[in-house]
Amino acid sequence: MKKDIEAKGDIKILVDHFYARVVEDPVIGYIFTETIKINWPKHLPVMYTFWENTLFYTGSYTGNPMVMHQKIHQLAHLTAEQFDRWVSLFCSSVDDLFEGEKADLAKQRAHSIAAIMKIKILG
């Protein structure tokens, strides 16, 4: 039996696993590696804090992901398929590593985030 997501260390494991899959993905990987050429040492700690806040309500994340993704859309012309692929990779990453209440919440939040971004960015 897998354990649930219990602390920031678990979130770090999840986020690292997820992004390792993202960079190899033919549908969305190029956005990170070629289009925006993401600065991983800067981006990953932000994602750890984002997901820690999302799952544990720490109040530690202060960014605005919508604005950033709108800028990415201007460069990459994001599609619904790409948002769906992001959700699929995230949820399967959760399932690879964890199970339980927080794991389910992480997947639910990923679906919600993608749905809101699709509406606000793609119309």
Foldseek 3Di string as FASTA:
>chain_A
DFAADDDLVSLLVLLVLLVVVLCVDPLRNCLCCPQPNDDVVVPSVLSSQVLCCQQVVPPRHDDDVLVVVLVSCVRPVDDLVSLVVSLVSSLVSLVVHHDDDSSVSSSVVSVVVSVVSCVVRVD
